[in-house]
């Protein structure tokens, strides 16, 4: 227990900080003078009091966190915060079960975008704002924000940053101090969000809708304040802005940070993922445009281009917006989009999936194995740009892919055994583990997850956490060796 108390101490601080984020929808509720004000008073009070109590009880155990402490803290933060985030929903929507509320908040904080709620247009604006604010905070990672603050409280944050941040950013020091890195990333993240909100407003959204949808566009979370998602506006201009900013959010934010700091576009040129990310998505948009037009889904090429591009970019970047029910398209199109969501987003972006850099290195490893089969004595190192990638990294990626595929198969079988059809089971697992949101059939873009049983909903919540923490971070705490001294 002495090992656990320092982690609980920091967890208390994070919960305390999280409680103060509820004051933003509270202020909105007061400004709009709607009935949800008391909901946030109670929710913020409970959350802040809980964080203070955890911190106070364990403050004598405060110390620098070790590597295993960092992993445990990340898992606790991402599993405990959704429980506190349910409070505004449970207080305002008494018919909502804790299971569904936890799914909703897990979906928000993991930037997944799947929802159990309907009648979004009728909810108080502050409730929708809270849902979208969670996506924005979870998009870059609440831990990164905490890393910028915790050093001021005497707690180091490098272990947490390494555990939470995906891909090559784990070992890339963008600035000399970890806190400065976290602050820099959040400044860029916030700046792009502001630009997105202004663009949405100029295109015809209200200010409130513009802010909420900028949160979920840059967070790649897909929550909307309208049941019809982007079909609510039926505006090619708004959809074009969404496409642009979804693509921006799908690129490594380390590249955005370096481009901003150096006032140059060269970081994008040297980014090993950005070019391939854009190329694959553009080719997919063009291919599905022709396919849908040829299949007679849409009467003309422009309409086909509009719907194919928006939904392909949305799914490929794991955002989860829709402007039509693509579940009704010929099955090849949605399956192709689901395949894209597994690997398209860049590491260090707010997207999910195995990330483009892992997919690229896996392809290079497959090519190397074929060369070795033909020429057993050949020396063919795997390279990323001009740098040689060590075999240790390649083996780690192969292990990651093995666990990723095993998780998809196992969780699909679990959902299928609970009564769901295969397409719904498979697409649900793929959507949740890649933090996409909507799947196909029973959980398609025109439906919600409300029809699932409690067991199925908890499986989905676990799967979203598994994907958000990139498998190893969550699974490692279940290994007995993790708990040994």
Protein backbone atom coordinates (compact mmCIF):
# COMPACT_ATOMS: atom_id res chain seq x y z
CA UNK A 1 0.00 0.00 0.00
CA UNK A 2 2.92 2.32 0.64
CA UNK A 3 3.71 2.04 -3.07
CA UNK A 4 0.14 2.93 -3.97
CA UNK A 5 -0.25 6.00 -1.74
CA UNK A 6 2.10 8.30 -3.76
CA UNK A 7 0.09 7.42 -6.89
CA UNK A 8 -3.20 8.14 -5.11
CA UNK A 9 -1.73 11.45 -3.94
CA UNK A 10 -1.11 12.58 -7.51
CA UNK A 11 -4.42 11.09 -8.66
CA UNK A 12 -6.13 13.29 -6.07
CA UNK A 13 -4.48 16.36 -7.58
CA UNK A 14 -5.58 15.36 -11.08
CA UNK A 15 -9.17 14.80 -9.88
CA UNK A 16 -9.05 18.19 -8.14
CA UNK A 17 -7.96 19.87 -11.39
CA UNK A 18 -10.62 17.94 -13.28
CA UNK A 19 -13.28 19.23 -10.88
CA UNK A 20 -12.43 22.81 -11.79
CA UNK A 21 -13.06 22.04 -15.48
CA UNK A 22 -16.73 21.59 -14.56
CA UNK A 23 -16.88 25.29 -13.74
CA UNK A 24 -16.79 26.11 -17.47
CA UNK A 25 -20.16 24.48 -18.30
CA UNK A 26 -21.42 25.88 -14.97
CA UNK A 27 -20.56 29.41 -16.14
CA UNK A 28 -22.27 28.69 -19.48
CA UNK A 29 -25.35 27.41 -17.66
CA UNK A 30 -25.48 30.54 -15.48
CA UNK A 31 -25.05 32.79 -18.52
CA UNK A 32 -27.86 31.04 -20.40
CA UNK A 33 -29.93 30.81 -17.20
CA UNK A 34 -30.97 27.19 -17.81
CA UNK A 35 -32.01 24.48 -15.39
CA UNK A 36 -28.68 22.64 -15.32
CA UNK A 37 -26.90 25.08 -12.98
CA UNK A 38 -27.40 23.07 -9.79
CA UNK A 39 -26.10 19.95 -11.57
CA UNK A 40 -22.66 21.50 -11.93
CA UNK A 41 -22.58 22.94 -8.42
CA UNK A 42 -23.06 19.44 -7.01
CA UNK A 43 -20.80 17.71 -9.52
CA UNK A 44 -17.91 20.16 -9.10
CA UNK A 45 -18.25 20.12 -5.31
CA UNK A 46 -18.16 16.31 -5.12
CA UNK A 47 -15.23 16.04 -7.54
CA UNK A 48 -13.14 18.78 -5.94
CA UNK A 49 -13.85 17.48 -2.43
CA UNK A 50 -12.90 13.93 -3.45
CA UNK A 51 -9.63 15.12 -4.99
CA UNK A 52 -8.79 17.23 -1.94
CA UNK A 53 -9.52 14.34 0.41
CA UNK A 54 -7.34 11.90 -1.57
CA UNK A 55 -4.51 14.42 -1.65
CA UNK A 56 -4.78 15.29 2.04
CA UNK A 57 -4.91 11.70 3.28
CA UNK A 58 -1.84 10.66 1.26
CA UNK A 59 0.24 13.88 1.21
CA UNK A 60 2.80 12.48 3.68
CA UNK A 61 3.61 9.76 1.10
CA UNK A 62 4.43 12.20 -1.71
CA UNK A 63 7.61 11.31 -3.62
CA UNK A 64 9.01 11.25 -7.14
CA UNK A 65 7.14 8.68 -9.21
CA UNK A 66 8.94 5.66 -10.61
CA UNK A 67 8.26 4.17 -14.04
CA UNK A 68 5.73 1.64 -12.79
CA UNK A 69 4.02 4.36 -10.76
CA UNK A 70 3.62 6.42 -13.92
CA UNK A 71 1.91 3.58 -15.79
CA UNK A 72 -0.39 2.86 -12.86
CA UNK A 73 -1.29 6.52 -12.51
CA UNK A 74 -2.19 6.83 -16.19
CA UNK A 75 -4.46 3.77 -15.99
CA UNK A 76 -6.14 5.08 -12.82
CA UNK A 77 -6.63 8.56 -14.26
CA UNK A 78 -8.25 7.29 -17.45
CA UNK A 79 -10.50 4.83 -15.61
CA UNK A 80 -11.44 7.02 -12.60
CA UNK A 81 -12.02 10.39 -14.30
CA UNK A 82 -14.89 9.06 -16.44
CA UNK A 83 -16.65 8.04 -13.20
CA UNK A 84 -16.51 11.62 -11.90
CA UNK A 85 -17.42 12.95 -15.34
CA UNK A 86 -20.69 11.02 -15.19
CA UNK A 87 -22.01 13.21 -12.35
CA UNK A 88 -23.49 16.04 -14.49
CA UNK A 89 -25.15 13.47 -16.74
CA UNK A 90 -26.54 11.38 -13.88
CA UNK A 91 -27.86 14.42 -11.99
CA UNK A 92 -29.55 15.92 -15.05
CA UNK A 93 -30.70 12.70 -16.74
CA UNK A 94 -32.13 10.51 -13.96
CA UNK A 95 -33.18 7.82 -16.46
CA UNK A 96 -29.54 7.30 -17.48
CA UNK A 97 -27.86 4.30 -15.86
CA UNK A 98 -24.33 4.54 -14.49
CA UNK A 99 -23.24 1.97 -17.09
CA UNK A 100 -24.41 4.14 -19.98
CA UNK A 101 -23.17 7.34 -18.34
CA UNK A 102 -19.72 5.79 -17.84
CA UNK A 103 -19.69 4.70 -21.49
CA UNK A 104 -20.60 8.23 -22.59
CA UNK A 105 -17.86 9.89 -20.54
CA UNK A 106 -15.28 7.25 -21.42
CA UNK A 107 -16.14 7.83 -25.06
CA UNK A 108 -15.66 11.56 -24.53
CA UNK A 109 -12.39 11.46 -22.60
CA UNK A 110 -10.88 8.85 -24.94
CA UNK A 111 -11.97 11.03 -27.89
CA UNK A 112 -13.97 8.15 -29.35
CA UNK A 113 -17.31 9.81 -30.07
CA UNK A 114 -19.70 6.88 -29.66
CA UNK A 115 -22.81 7.89 -27.73
CA UNK A 116 -25.74 6.32 -25.89
CA UNK A 117 -27.71 9.57 -25.90
CA UNK A 118 -30.45 10.62 -28.30
CA UNK A 119 -32.40 13.84 -28.39
CA UNK A 120 -29.17 15.85 -28.27
CA UNK A 121 -30.90 18.90 -29.78
CA UNK A 122 -33.18 19.05 -26.74
CA UNK A 123 -30.46 18.82 -24.08
CA UNK A 124 -29.38 21.99 -22.24
CA UNK A 125 -26.42 23.57 -24.10
CA UNK A 126 -24.21 23.18 -21.02
CA UNK A 127 -24.68 19.37 -21.06
CA UNK A 128 -23.61 19.19 -24.70
CA UNK A 129 -20.78 21.59 -23.90
CA UNK A 130 -19.58 19.27 -21.11
CA UNK A 131 -19.61 16.31 -23.51
CA UNK A 132 -17.56 18.17 -26.11
CA UNK A 133 -15.23 19.70 -23.52
CA UNK A 134 -14.34 16.16 -22.40
CA UNK A 135 -13.36 15.28 -25.96
CA UNK A 136 -11.15 18.36 -26.19
CA UNK A 137 -9.41 17.60 -22.90
CA UNK A 138 -9.01 13.94 -23.73
CA UNK A 139 -7.84 14.58 -27.28
CA UNK A 140 -4.34 15.66 -26.41
CA UNK A 141 -4.45 13.87 -23.09
CA UNK A 142 -5.42 15.25 -19.73
CA UNK A 143 -2.17 13.81 -18.43
CA UNK A 144 -0.15 16.12 -20.66
CA UNK A 145 -2.00 19.08 -19.17
CA UNK A 146 -1.29 17.74 -15.70
CA UNK A 147 2.39 17.34 -16.57
CA UNK A 148 2.56 21.08 -17.18
CA UNK A 149 1.04 21.78 -13.77
CA UNK A 150 2.28 19.03 -11.45
CA UNK A 151 5.95 20.15 -11.45
CA UNK A 152 4.76 23.34 -9.80
CA UNK A 153 3.42 21.14 -7.00
CA UNK A 154 6.69 19.27 -6.58
CA UNK A 155 5.75 16.15 -8.54
CA UNK A 156 7.79 15.12 -11.60
CA UNK A 157 5.88 14.17 -14.71
CA UNK A 158 8.23 12.51 -17.16
CA UNK A 159 7.02 8.98 -16.36
CA UNK A 160 3.39 9.94 -16.94
CA UNK A 161 4.18 11.76 -20.18
CA UNK A 162 6.08 8.73 -21.51
CA UNK A 163 3.32 6.32 -20.54
CA UNK A 164 0.50 8.36 -22.05
CA UNK A 165 2.02 9.82 -25.18
CA UNK A 166 2.02 7.54 -28.24
CA UNK A 167 4.70 6.74 -30.78
CA UNK A 168 8.01 8.52 -31.32
CA UNK A 169 7.00 11.44 -29.09
CA UNK A 170 7.89 9.13 -26.18
CA UNK A 171 11.55 9.71 -26.86
CA UNK A 172 11.50 13.09 -28.55
CA UNK A 173 12.45 16.07 -26.41
CA UNK A 174 10.80 18.95 -28.20
CA UNK A 175 11.99 21.36 -25.53
CA UNK A 176 14.55 20.88 -22.75
CA UNK A 177 11.94 20.59 -20.00
CA UNK A 178 8.97 18.22 -20.04
CA UNK A 179 6.65 20.87 -18.59
CA UNK A 180 7.61 23.30 -21.35
CA UNK A 181 6.91 20.60 -23.93
CA UNK A 182 3.45 19.95 -22.49
CA UNK A 183 2.67 23.67 -22.37
CA UNK A 184 3.89 24.16 -25.93
CA UNK A 185 1.76 21.30 -27.24
CA UNK A 186 -1.32 22.66 -25.47
CA UNK A 187 -0.71 26.16 -26.84
CA UNK A 188 -0.58 24.82 -30.39
CA UNK A 189 -3.59 22.60 -29.69
CA UNK A 190 -5.59 25.54 -28.32
CA UNK A 191 -4.51 27.83 -31.17
CA UNK A 192 -5.69 25.39 -33.85
CA UNK A 193 -8.95 24.93 -31.94
CA UNK A 194 -9.58 28.70 -31.92
CA UNK A 195 -8.89 28.89 -35.66
CA UNK A 196 -11.34 26.03 -36.26
CA UNK A 197 -14.06 27.68 -34.16
CA UNK A 198 -13.72 30.97 -36.05
CA UNK A 199 -13.88 29.16 -39.39
CA UNK A 200 -17.03 27.31 -38.35
CA UNK A 201 -18.65 30.55 -37.21
CA UNK A 202 -17.84 32.29 -40.48
CA UNK A 203 -19.31 29.31 -42.37
CA UNK A 204 -22.68 29.64 -40.65
CA UNK A 205 -22.63 27.92 -37.26
CA UNK A 206 -23.68 29.73 -34.10
CA UNK A 207 -20.81 30.65 -31.78
CA UNK A 208 -21.79 27.91 -29.33
CA UNK A 209 -21.98 25.22 -31.99
CA UNK A 210 -18.72 26.49 -33.51
CA UNK A 211 -16.87 26.19 -30.21
CA UNK A 212 -18.31 22.78 -29.35
CA UNK A 213 -17.59 21.32 -32.77
CA UNK A 214 -14.09 22.81 -32.85
CA UNK A 215 -13.48 20.90 -29.60
CA UNK A 216 -14.53 17.61 -31.15
CA UNK A 217 -12.94 18.28 -34.54
CA UNK A 218 -9.47 18.98 -33.16
CA UNK A 219 -9.94 16.31 -30.47
CA UNK A 220 -11.04 13.92 -33.26
CA UNK A 221 -13.86 12.81 -30.99
CA UNK A 222 -16.98 13.23 -33.12
CA UNK A 223 -19.46 14.27 -30.42
CA UNK A 224 -22.08 16.67 -31.76
CA UNK A 225 -24.83 18.77 -30.22
CA UNK A 226 -27.24 17.48 -32.87
CA UNK A 227 -28.58 13.98 -33.47
CA UNK A 228 -28.02 14.43 -37.21
CA UNK A 229 -24.35 15.36 -36.70
CA UNK A 230 -23.14 17.44 -39.68
CA UNK A 231 -26.27 16.61 -41.69
CA UNK A 232 -27.95 19.16 -39.41
CA UNK A 233 -26.42 22.00 -41.46
CA UNK A 234 -26.34 20.29 -44.87
CA UNK A 235 -23.55 22.69 -45.82
CA UNK A 236 -20.66 21.74 -48.13
CA UNK A 237 -18.75 24.77 -46.81
CA UNK A 238 -18.97 23.64 -43.17
CA UNK A 239 -18.09 20.11 -44.21
CA UNK A 240 -15.05 21.38 -46.13
CA UNK A 241 -13.80 23.23 -43.05
CA UNK A 242 -14.30 20.07 -40.96
CA UNK A 243 -12.30 18.03 -43.50
CA UNK A 244 -9.42 20.52 -43.38
CA UNK A 245 -9.18 20.61 -39.60
CA UNK A 246 -9.66 16.85 -39.21
CA UNK A 247 -6.67 16.38 -41.49
CA UNK A 248 -4.67 18.91 -39.47
CA UNK A 249 -5.58 17.14 -36.21
CA UNK A 250 -4.60 13.79 -37.74
CA UNK A 251 -0.98 14.95 -38.17
CA UNK A 252 1.58 14.63 -35.37
CA UNK A 253 1.22 17.64 -33.06
CA UNK A 254 4.98 17.53 -32.55
CA UNK A 255 5.25 18.61 -36.19
CA UNK A 256 2.73 21.40 -35.62
CA UNK A 257 4.70 22.49 -32.55
CA UNK A 258 8.03 22.50 -34.41
CA UNK A 259 6.51 24.31 -37.41
CA UNK A 260 5.11 26.97 -35.08
CA UNK A 261 8.35 27.33 -33.13
CA UNK A 262 10.57 27.47 -36.23
CA UNK A 263 8.04 29.49 -38.32
CA UNK A 264 8.64 27.01 -41.15
CA UNK A 265 6.82 24.23 -43.03
CA UNK A 266 9.96 22.07 -43.16
CA UNK A 267 8.94 19.95 -40.12
CA UNK A 268 6.03 18.62 -42.18
CA UNK A 269 8.39 17.70 -44.99
CA UNK A 270 10.59 15.72 -42.63
CA UNK A 271 7.66 14.14 -40.79
CA UNK A 272 7.81 10.43 -41.78
CA UNK A 273 4.01 10.06 -41.49
CA UNK A 274 2.38 13.27 -42.75
CA UNK A 275 2.93 12.74 -46.49
CA UNK A 276 1.75 9.12 -46.45
CA UNK A 277 -1.22 10.03 -44.22
CA UNK A 278 -2.45 12.69 -46.66
CA UNK A 279 -1.72 10.56 -49.73
CA UNK A 280 -3.64 7.49 -48.52
CA UNK A 281 -6.66 9.55 -47.50
CA UNK A 282 -6.76 11.49 -50.80
CA UNK A 283 -6.49 8.28 -52.83
CA UNK A 284 -9.24 6.69 -50.71
CA UNK A 285 -11.53 9.70 -51.17
CA UNK A 286 -11.04 9.61 -54.93
CA UNK A 287 -11.51 5.82 -55.11
CA UNK A 288 -14.70 5.80 -53.01
CA UNK A 289 -16.06 8.79 -54.96
CA UNK A 290 -15.79 6.84 -58.20
CA UNK A 291 -17.09 3.67 -56.53
CA UNK A 292 -20.22 5.29 -55.07
CA UNK A 293 -20.94 7.14 -58.30
CA UNK A 294 -20.47 3.97 -60.36
CA UNK A 295 -22.73 2.00 -58.00
CA UNK A 296 -25.47 4.61 -58.45
CA UNK A 297 -25.53 5.66 -54.80
CA UNK A 298 -25.39 9.35 -55.82
CA UNK A 299 -26.63 10.87 -59.09
CA UNK A 300 -23.57 12.97 -59.95
CA UNK A 301 -19.83 13.06 -59.34
CA UNK A 302 -19.83 16.19 -57.15
CA UNK A 303 -22.40 14.77 -54.71
CA UNK A 304 -20.47 11.52 -54.57
CA UNK A 305 -17.25 13.45 -53.91
CA UNK A 306 -18.88 15.47 -51.13
CA UNK A 307 -20.20 12.51 -49.14
CA UNK A 308 -17.29 10.16 -49.85
CA UNK A 309 -14.68 12.75 -48.85
CA UNK A 310 -16.34 13.92 -45.64
CA UNK A 311 -17.11 10.48 -44.27
CA UNK A 312 -13.84 8.93 -45.39
CA UNK A 313 -11.78 11.65 -43.70
CA UNK A 314 -13.99 11.46 -40.62
CA UNK A 315 -13.60 7.69 -40.23
CA UNK A 316 -9.96 7.50 -41.32
CA UNK A 317 -8.94 10.10 -38.72
CA UNK A 318 -11.13 8.30 -36.12
CA UNK A 319 -13.33 11.38 -35.65
CA UNK A 320 -16.74 9.77 -36.11
CA UNK A 321 -18.74 12.62 -37.68
CA UNK A 322 -21.22 11.79 -40.43
CA UNK A 323 -23.33 13.75 -42.89
CA UNK A 324 -25.21 10.68 -44.14
CA UNK A 325 -25.84 7.11 -43.05
CA UNK A 326 -22.91 5.41 -44.76
CA UNK A 327 -24.14 2.16 -43.19
CA UNK A 328 -26.54 2.04 -46.17
CA UNK A 329 -23.73 2.22 -48.75
CA UNK A 330 -22.53 -0.95 -50.50
CA UNK A 331 -20.55 -2.82 -47.85
CA UNK A 332 -17.16 -2.34 -49.52
CA UNK A 333 -17.15 1.41 -48.81
CA UNK A 334 -17.72 1.34 -45.02
CA UNK A 335 -15.40 -1.64 -44.63
CA UNK A 336 -12.66 0.24 -46.49
CA UNK A 337 -13.17 3.23 -44.21
CA UNK A 338 -13.02 0.99 -41.13
CA UNK A 339 -9.73 -0.41 -42.40
CA UNK A 340 -8.37 3.13 -42.75
CA UNK A 341 -9.23 4.00 -39.15
CA UNK A 342 -6.96 1.19 -37.96
CA UNK A 343 -3.73 2.86 -39.08
CA UNK A 344 -4.16 6.21 -40.82
CA UNK A 345 -3.72 8.74 -37.98
CA UNK A 346 -0.20 9.88 -37.15
CA UNK A 347 1.48 9.16 -33.86
CA UNK A 348 1.29 12.22 -31.64
CA UNK A 349 -2.05 13.19 -33.18
CA UNK A 350 -5.39 13.06 -31.41
CA UNK A 351 -6.47 10.08 -33.53
CA UNK A 352 -6.61 6.41 -32.61
CA UNK A 353 -5.53 3.14 -34.18
CA UNK A 354 -2.07 1.60 -34.43
CA UNK A 355 -0.80 4.84 -36.03
CA UNK A 356 0.76 5.41 -39.43
CA UNK A 357 4.35 5.09 -38.23
CA UNK A 358 3.79 1.56 -36.94
CA UNK A 359 2.01 0.58 -40.16
CA UNK A 360 4.87 2.01 -42.20
CA UNK A 361 7.51 0.15 -40.22
CA UNK A 362 5.50 -3.07 -40.39
CA UNK A 363 5.36 -2.78 -44.18
CA UNK A 364 9.13 -2.19 -44.29
CA UNK A 365 9.67 -5.25 -42.08
CA UNK A 366 7.55 -7.41 -44.40
CA UNK A 367 9.56 -6.14 -47.39
CA UNK A 368 12.82 -6.88 -45.54
CA UNK A 369 11.71 -10.45 -44.80
CA UNK A 370 10.98 -11.05 -48.49
CA UNK A 371 14.42 -9.74 -49.42
CA UNK A 372 16.06 -11.99 -46.81
CA UNK A 373 14.16 -15.01 -48.16
CA UNK A 374 15.53 -14.33 -51.64
CA UNK A 375 19.01 -13.28 -50.44
CA UNK A 376 19.78 -14.92 -47.07
CA UNK A 377 23.14 -13.13 -46.72
CA UNK A 378 21.78 -9.66 -47.51
CA UNK A 379 21.96 -6.94 -44.86
CA UNK A 380 18.75 -4.93 -45.16
CA UNK A 381 18.14 -2.66 -42.18
CA UNK A 382 14.73 -1.08 -41.67
CA UNK A 383 15.03 2.67 -42.16
CA UNK A 384 12.79 5.57 -41.29
CA UNK A 385 14.00 8.48 -43.37
CA UNK A 386 17.79 8.35 -43.08
CA UNK A 387 17.77 6.68 -39.68
CA UNK A 388 18.13 2.95 -39.09
CA UNK A 389 15.40 1.53 -36.87
CA UNK A 390 16.72 -0.95 -34.34
CA UNK A 391 15.43 -4.50 -34.35
CA UNK A 392 14.23 -3.96 -30.79
CA UNK A 393 11.74 -1.35 -32.00
CA UNK A 394 10.63 -3.59 -34.88
CA UNK A 395 10.06 -6.49 -32.48
CA UNK A 396 8.10 -4.22 -30.12
CA UNK A 397 5.85 -3.14 -33.02
CA UNK A 398 5.30 -6.76 -34.03
CA UNK A 399 4.33 -7.55 -30.43
CA UNK A 400 1.98 -4.56 -30.44
CA UNK A 401 0.33 -5.73 -33.66
CA UNK A 402 -0.06 -9.25 -32.26
CA UNK A 403 -1.83 -7.95 -29.14
CA UNK A 404 -3.90 -5.56 -31.26
CA UNK A 405 -5.17 -8.33 -33.54
CA UNK A 406 -5.66 -10.75 -30.65
CA UNK A 407 -7.68 -8.10 -28.81
CA UNK A 408 -9.92 -7.47 -31.82
CA UNK A 409 -10.54 -11.21 -32.32
CA UNK A 410 -11.13 -11.93 -28.62
CA UNK A 411 -13.42 -8.96 -28.01
CA UNK A 412 -15.37 -9.65 -31.22
CA UNK A 413 -15.98 -13.22 -30.06
CA UNK A 414 -17.07 -11.95 -26.63
CA UNK A 415 -19.60 -9.54 -28.14
CA UNK A 416 -20.80 -12.17 -30.64
CA UNK A 417 -21.30 -14.66 -27.81
CA UNK A 418 -23.47 -12.08 -26.03
CA UNK A 419 -25.98 -12.01 -28.88
CA UNK A 420 -24.77 -9.40 -31.37
CA UNK A 421 -24.47 -10.25 -35.05
CA UNK A 422 -20.97 -10.57 -36.49
CA UNK A 423 -20.88 -7.27 -38.41
CA UNK A 424 -22.08 -5.32 -35.37
CA UNK A 425 -19.65 -7.16 -33.06
CA UNK A 426 -16.62 -6.74 -35.31
CA UNK A 427 -17.31 -3.13 -36.28
CA UNK A 428 -18.04 -2.21 -32.65
CA UNK A 429 -14.71 -3.59 -31.48
CA UNK A 430 -12.81 -1.97 -34.36
CA UNK A 431 -14.54 1.36 -33.72
CA UNK A 432 -13.92 1.25 -29.96
CA UNK A 433 -10.32 0.03 -29.97
CA UNK A 434 -9.44 2.64 -32.59
CA UNK A 435 -11.42 5.33 -30.71
CA UNK A 436 -13.59 5.95 -33.75
CA UNK A 437 -17.07 5.92 -32.22
CA UNK A 438 -19.80 4.64 -34.54
CA UNK A 439 -19.51 1.21 -36.15
CA UNK A 440 -21.89 -0.54 -38.53
CA UNK A 441 -25.33 -2.14 -38.40
CA UNK A 442 -26.78 -1.80 -34.87
CA UNK A 443 -24.19 0.86 -33.90
CA UNK A 444 -24.00 2.64 -37.25
CA UNK A 445 -23.70 6.41 -37.74
CA UNK A 446 -27.48 6.89 -37.66
CA UNK A 447 -27.84 4.85 -34.45
CA UNK A 448 -26.42 4.94 -30.92
CA UNK A 449 -24.95 2.40 -28.49
CA UNK A 450 -28.06 2.68 -26.29
CA UNK A 451 -29.43 -0.65 -27.53
CA UNK A 452 -26.52 -2.67 -26.14
CA UNK A 453 -26.86 -4.64 -22.92
CA UNK A 454 -24.96 -3.55 -19.80
CA UNK A 455 -22.39 -6.32 -20.36
CA UNK A 456 -21.82 -5.28 -23.97
CA UNK A 457 -21.56 -1.62 -22.93
CA UNK A 458 -18.87 -2.40 -20.32
CA UNK A 459 -16.94 -4.40 -22.91
CA UNK A 460 -17.05 -1.35 -25.19
CA UNK A 461 -15.90 0.97 -22.37
CA UNK A 462 -12.96 -1.32 -21.61
CA UNK A 463 -12.12 -1.52 -25.32
CA UNK A 464 -12.06 2.28 -25.66
CA UNK A 465 -9.69 2.56 -22.69
CA UNK A 466 -7.54 -0.23 -24.13
CA UNK A 467 -7.25 1.61 -27.43
CA UNK A 468 -6.71 5.05 -25.90
CA UNK A 469 -3.83 3.78 -23.76
CA UNK A 470 -2.40 1.85 -26.71
CA UNK A 471 -2.79 -1.63 -25.25
CA UNK A 472 0.48 -2.04 -23.34
CA UNK A 473 -0.14 0.78 -20.85
CA UNK A 474 -3.39 -0.79 -19.71
CA UNK A 475 -2.52 -4.48 -20.00
CA UNK A 476 0.79 -4.14 -18.17
CA UNK A 477 -0.97 -3.47 -14.86
CA UNK A 478 -2.63 -6.90 -15.08
CA UNK A 479 0.72 -8.71 -15.20
CA UNK A 480 1.71 -10.19 -11.79
CA UNK A 481 5.33 -9.05 -12.29
CA UNK A 482 4.13 -5.44 -12.35
CA UNK A 483 3.10 -5.70 -8.70
CA UNK A 484 6.21 -7.48 -7.43
CA UNK A 485 8.87 -5.48 -5.66
